[in-house]
Protein backbone atom coordinates (compact mmCIF):
# COMPACT_ATOMS: atom_id res chain seq x y z
CA MET A 1 -0.04 -0.19 0.03
CA SER A 2 1.32 3.46 -0.94
CA SER A 3 2.69 5.16 2.23
CA ASN A 4 1.08 8.49 1.10
CA ARG A 5 -2.32 6.89 1.03
CA THR A 6 -1.81 5.37 4.46
CA LYS A 7 -1.64 8.89 5.76
CA ALA A 8 -5.44 9.35 5.01
CA PHE A 9 -6.36 6.75 7.65
CA SER A 10 -3.51 8.15 10.32
CA GLN A 11 -4.81 9.34 13.61
CA PRO A 12 -4.73 13.05 14.31
CA LEU A 13 -1.68 14.59 16.02
CA SER A 14 -1.55 13.95 19.80
CA ASN A 15 0.79 16.10 22.07
CA PRO A 16 2.65 13.88 24.02
CA ALA A 17 3.17 15.86 26.82
CA LYS A 18 1.70 14.12 29.85
CA ARG A 19 1.03 17.38 32.01
CA PHE A 20 0.09 20.67 31.50
CA LEU A 21 0.98 23.13 34.52
CA GLU A 22 0.03 26.44 35.29
CA TRP A 23 1.19 28.63 37.94
CA LYS A 24 -1.77 29.46 40.45
CA SER A 25 -0.88 32.82 41.96
CA ASN A 26 -3.09 32.52 45.05
CA ASP A 27 -1.80 28.86 46.00
CA LYS A 28 1.83 30.18 45.06
CA CYS A 29 2.92 26.85 43.14
CA PHE A 30 2.01 25.10 39.98
CA SER A 31 -1.11 22.94 39.02
CA TYR A 32 -2.35 20.41 36.53
CA TYR A 33 -5.58 18.63 35.61
CA ASP A 34 -5.48 14.85 36.17
CA LYS A 35 -7.68 13.24 33.77
CA GLU A 36 -8.16 9.99 35.75
CA LYS A 37 -8.86 11.96 39.17
CA LYS A 38 -10.72 14.53 37.19
CA GLU A 39 -9.39 17.13 39.55
CA ASN A 40 -6.40 19.82 39.63
CA ILE A 41 -3.50 18.63 41.43
CA LEU A 42 -1.27 21.22 43.46
CA VAL A 43 2.78 20.72 42.59
CA GLN A 44 4.18 22.08 45.82
CA LEU A 45 7.65 23.75 45.68
CA PRO A 46 10.26 23.01 45.17
CA PHE A 47 9.61 22.01 41.68
CA LYS A 48 12.30 20.88 39.28
CA PHE A 49 12.43 20.40 35.66
CA LEU A 50 14.68 20.70 32.43
CA VAL A 51 13.64 22.83 29.21
CA LEU A 52 13.28 21.08 26.01
CA ASP A 53 11.82 23.76 23.89
CA GLN A 54 9.59 26.88 23.95
CA LEU A 55 6.92 27.97 21.73
CA HIS A 56 3.92 30.56 21.78
CA THR A 57 0.09 30.31 21.85
CA VAL A 58 -2.95 31.99 22.87
CA SER A 59 -5.56 30.89 25.66
CA GLY A 60 -8.29 32.69 27.70
CA TRP A 61 -12.07 32.92 28.14
CA ASN A 62 -14.66 34.07 25.86
CA ASP A 63 -18.08 35.36 27.30
CA ALA A 64 -19.82 35.58 24.02
CA THR A 65 -19.63 31.89 23.68
CA SER A 66 -19.03 30.91 27.55
CA SER A 67 -16.16 28.83 26.36
CA GLY A 68 -12.28 28.95 26.48
CA ILE A 69 -10.18 30.07 23.82
CA TYR A 70 -7.26 28.39 22.35
CA SER A 71 -4.64 28.82 19.32
CA ASN A 72 -2.18 26.71 17.45
CA GLU A 73 1.38 27.05 19.09
CA VAL A 74 3.93 28.72 17.04
CA LYS A 75 7.79 28.47 17.25
CA PHE A 76 8.61 32.13 16.07
CA ILE A 77 5.81 34.51 16.70
CA SER A 78 6.70 37.34 14.31
CA LYS A 79 6.78 34.89 11.25
CA GLN A 80 4.08 32.29 12.01
CA VAL A 81 0.28 32.53 11.49
CA MET A 82 -1.81 31.95 14.57
CA THR A 83 -5.42 30.78 14.48
CA VAL A 84 -7.51 31.80 17.53
CA LYS A 85 -10.62 30.14 18.18
CA PRO A 86 -13.09 29.51 21.14
CA PHE A 87 -14.28 25.93 22.03
CA LYS A 88 -17.70 27.16 21.11
CA GLY A 89 -18.47 29.02 17.90
CA ASN A 90 -16.51 30.63 14.94
CA GLU A 91 -12.95 31.92 14.65
CA ILE A 92 -11.94 34.98 16.48
CA ALA A 93 -8.75 35.90 14.42
CA LYS A 94 -6.12 34.66 12.40
CA GLY A 95 -2.70 36.20 11.33
CA LEU A 96 0.62 37.19 13.02
CA TYR A 97 0.14 37.70 16.94
CA ALA A 98 1.31 41.64 16.64
CA ASP A 99 -1.51 41.98 13.70
CA ILE A 100 -4.47 40.29 15.77
CA LYS A 101 -3.71 40.78 19.58
CA ASP A 102 -6.15 43.54 19.99
CA LYS A 103 -8.90 41.49 18.84
CA VAL A 104 -7.71 38.60 20.61
CA LYS A 105 -7.47 40.59 23.74
CA ASN A 106 -11.11 42.26 23.23
CA ALA A 107 -12.64 38.50 22.71
CA GLY A 108 -10.84 37.55 26.20
CA GLY A 109 -7.73 35.78 24.95
CA HIS A 110 -4.06 36.13 25.93
CA TYR A 111 -0.59 35.56 25.14
CA VAL A 112 0.80 32.29 26.63
CA LYS A 113 4.52 31.22 26.80
CA SER A 114 4.38 27.32 26.01
CA ILE A 115 7.59 25.43 27.51
CA TYR A 116 8.00 21.88 26.84
CA ILE A 117 9.92 20.15 29.85
CA MET A 118 11.25 17.16 31.12
CA LEU A 119 10.60 16.14 34.87
CA GLU A 120 12.88 14.52 37.20
CA ASP A 121 11.26 11.09 36.66
CA GLY A 122 11.80 11.58 32.44
CA THR A 123 8.09 12.51 32.29
CA LEU A 124 7.43 15.02 29.13
CA ALA A 125 5.34 18.08 30.50
CA ASN A 126 4.59 21.43 29.55
CA ILE A 127 4.27 24.75 31.39
CA GLN A 128 1.86 27.50 30.34
CA LEU A 129 2.87 30.98 31.51
CA LYS A 130 1.11 33.87 31.22
CA GLY A 131 1.00 37.40 32.29
CA SER A 132 3.66 38.73 34.89
CA ALA A 133 4.92 35.05 35.07
CA VAL A 134 6.23 35.47 31.23
CA GLN A 135 7.92 38.62 32.21
CA GLN A 136 9.68 36.67 35.45
CA TRP A 137 10.56 33.95 33.06
CA GLY A 138 12.15 36.37 30.29
CA GLU A 139 14.17 38.20 33.01
CA PHE A 140 15.68 34.88 33.90
CA THR A 141 16.61 33.40 30.71
CA ASN A 142 17.68 36.72 29.18
CA LYS A 143 21.44 36.16 29.88
CA THR A 144 21.23 32.29 30.49
CA LEU A 145 19.61 30.87 27.55
CA SER A 146 22.76 28.90 26.83
CA ARG A 147 22.69 27.39 30.07
CA LEU A 148 19.09 25.45 29.55
CA PRO A 149 20.04 22.38 27.83
CA GLU A 150 22.26 21.27 30.37
CA GLU A 151 21.05 22.61 33.76
CA TRP A 152 18.10 21.59 35.83
CA VAL A 153 15.86 24.72 36.42
CA VAL A 154 14.03 24.98 39.80
CA VAL A 155 11.14 27.14 41.24
CA ASP A 156 11.86 27.15 44.83
CA LYS A 157 9.73 30.21 46.01
CA ALA A 158 6.80 32.57 45.15
CA VAL A 159 7.79 35.88 44.12
CA GLU A 160 5.44 38.59 45.57
CA GLY A 161 4.23 41.31 43.19
CA LYS A 162 1.44 44.16 43.20
CA LYS A 163 -0.28 45.93 40.32
CA GLY A 164 -2.24 48.66 41.67
CA ALA A 165 -4.08 47.51 44.65
CA VAL A 166 -3.97 43.94 43.68
CA LYS A 167 -1.29 41.57 44.88
CA PHE A 168 -0.10 38.38 43.06
CA THR A 169 2.72 35.99 43.00
CA THR A 170 4.78 34.65 40.19
CA PRO A 171 7.44 31.44 40.15
CA GLY A 172 10.93 32.14 41.34
CA PHE A 173 13.37 30.70 38.67
CA THR A 174 17.04 29.42 39.47
CA PHE A 175 19.34 26.88 38.39
CA GLY A 176 19.41 23.46 39.90
CA GLY A 177 22.53 22.08 38.91
CA SER A 178 23.93 20.15 35.92
CA LEU A 179 22.57 17.14 34.31
CA SER A 180 24.18 13.77 35.05
CA ASP A 181 25.33 11.31 32.02
CA GLU A 182 22.46 9.36 32.70
CA GLN A 183 20.05 12.19 32.90
CA ALA A 184 21.41 13.98 29.77
CA ASN A 185 20.77 10.54 27.76
CA GLN A 186 17.13 10.33 29.17
CA ALA A 187 16.68 14.10 28.25
CA ASP A 188 17.74 13.33 24.60
CA LEU A 189 15.20 10.62 24.15
CA VAL A 190 12.39 12.80 25.28
CA PHE A 191 13.58 15.67 23.22
CA ASP A 192 13.24 13.45 20.45
CA GLU A 193 9.85 12.32 21.15
CA LEU A 194 8.94 15.97 21.40
CA GLU A 195 10.61 17.00 18.15
CA THR A 196 9.15 14.01 16.17
CA TYR A 197 5.74 15.57 17.24
CA LEU A 198 6.56 19.29 16.52
CA LYS A 199 8.05 18.59 13.32
CA ALA A 200 4.78 17.19 12.07
CA TYR A 201 2.67 19.60 13.86
CA LEU A 202 4.34 23.04 13.02
CA ILE A 203 4.79 22.00 9.30
CA LYS A 204 1.23 22.27 8.99
CA GLU A 205 1.72 26.20 8.95
CA GLU A 206 2.67 27.86 5.76
CA ALA A 207 4.33 30.57 7.38
CA PRO A 208 8.35 30.65 7.21
CA VAL A 209 10.37 29.61 9.98
CA GLU A 210 13.79 31.76 10.52
CA VAL A 211 16.16 31.14 13.37
CA ALA A 212 16.88 34.90 13.47
CA ASP A 213 13.58 35.40 15.06
CA LEU A 214 13.83 36.60 18.76
CA ASP A 215 11.77 34.58 21.29
CA GLN A 216 10.17 37.47 22.89
CA ALA A 217 9.71 39.42 19.57
CA ASN A 218 6.50 41.25 19.40
CA VAL A 219 5.35 40.10 22.88
CA GLU A 220 5.24 43.71 24.28
CA GLU A 221 4.79 44.77 27.90
CA ASP A 222 1.07 45.48 27.50
CA ASP A 223 0.87 41.74 26.56
CA LEU A 224 2.30 40.78 30.25
CA ASP A 225 -1.02 41.20 32.30
CA PHE A 226 -0.93 40.29 35.95
CA ILE A 227 -2.60 37.08 36.42
C-alpha cells in the first residue's frame, strides 16, 4: 500500500506531554489537571524541570460563547500565523500575533508562553506561563539561555508582586545543577519524542521559520497582564 495513502487513515496528532502545568498565584505553586482523578493537582515547591523547547500560543475565556479560547502553537511568533478560536463558535482571528492581538484581547484571549519540559522522573510535560510569569521567565532566561539545555531549573519560591491594589505571585526561577550523563541521555530520548511531534505539528503552518527570530519578538509589555 502506498505510504502516502496510509496518511488518510492515520490518527490525528496527539501532544505527547503528559501534564500541562499552570502557575496558581493564590496557591503559590503550579497545578495540573489529572484526567483520571478529574481534579486539579497542586505541585508544591520546590519544582524541578529541564527545558526542552519554547513556543507561543493563546489562551483565555470568551464570554460571548461561554467557552475557553485556544490557538495553534508557533515557534516564531513574528513569522508564523496563529489561528485563535473559542471551543464553541466561530474563529476569532487569524494572522501574525502582532496584527491580531487587539482583537484577541477584546475577545478575552491572552498570550501564553508554552514551555516543554522534562520532569525529574523523565516525564514529558508542558508549562503554560501567562501574565507577569512570562516577564519573570524572560528576566531569568535573558542572559542564561545557553545554560538551559544542560542544567535543571528549579522554582523554589513564589515572588510577591503588586499592580495597583492587587497583589499576586509569580514563580521564582533559579538553576538547580547540571545533568548527569544518565539524565542527559534520558533528556535526549524525551526531546526526540517531542521533536518528532513538533516537526509534524508545525509543518502544517505555511509561514516561514527563521532562526534569527527572537524569542520575545512582538510580545510587548502590555501583553503581560498580571494573572
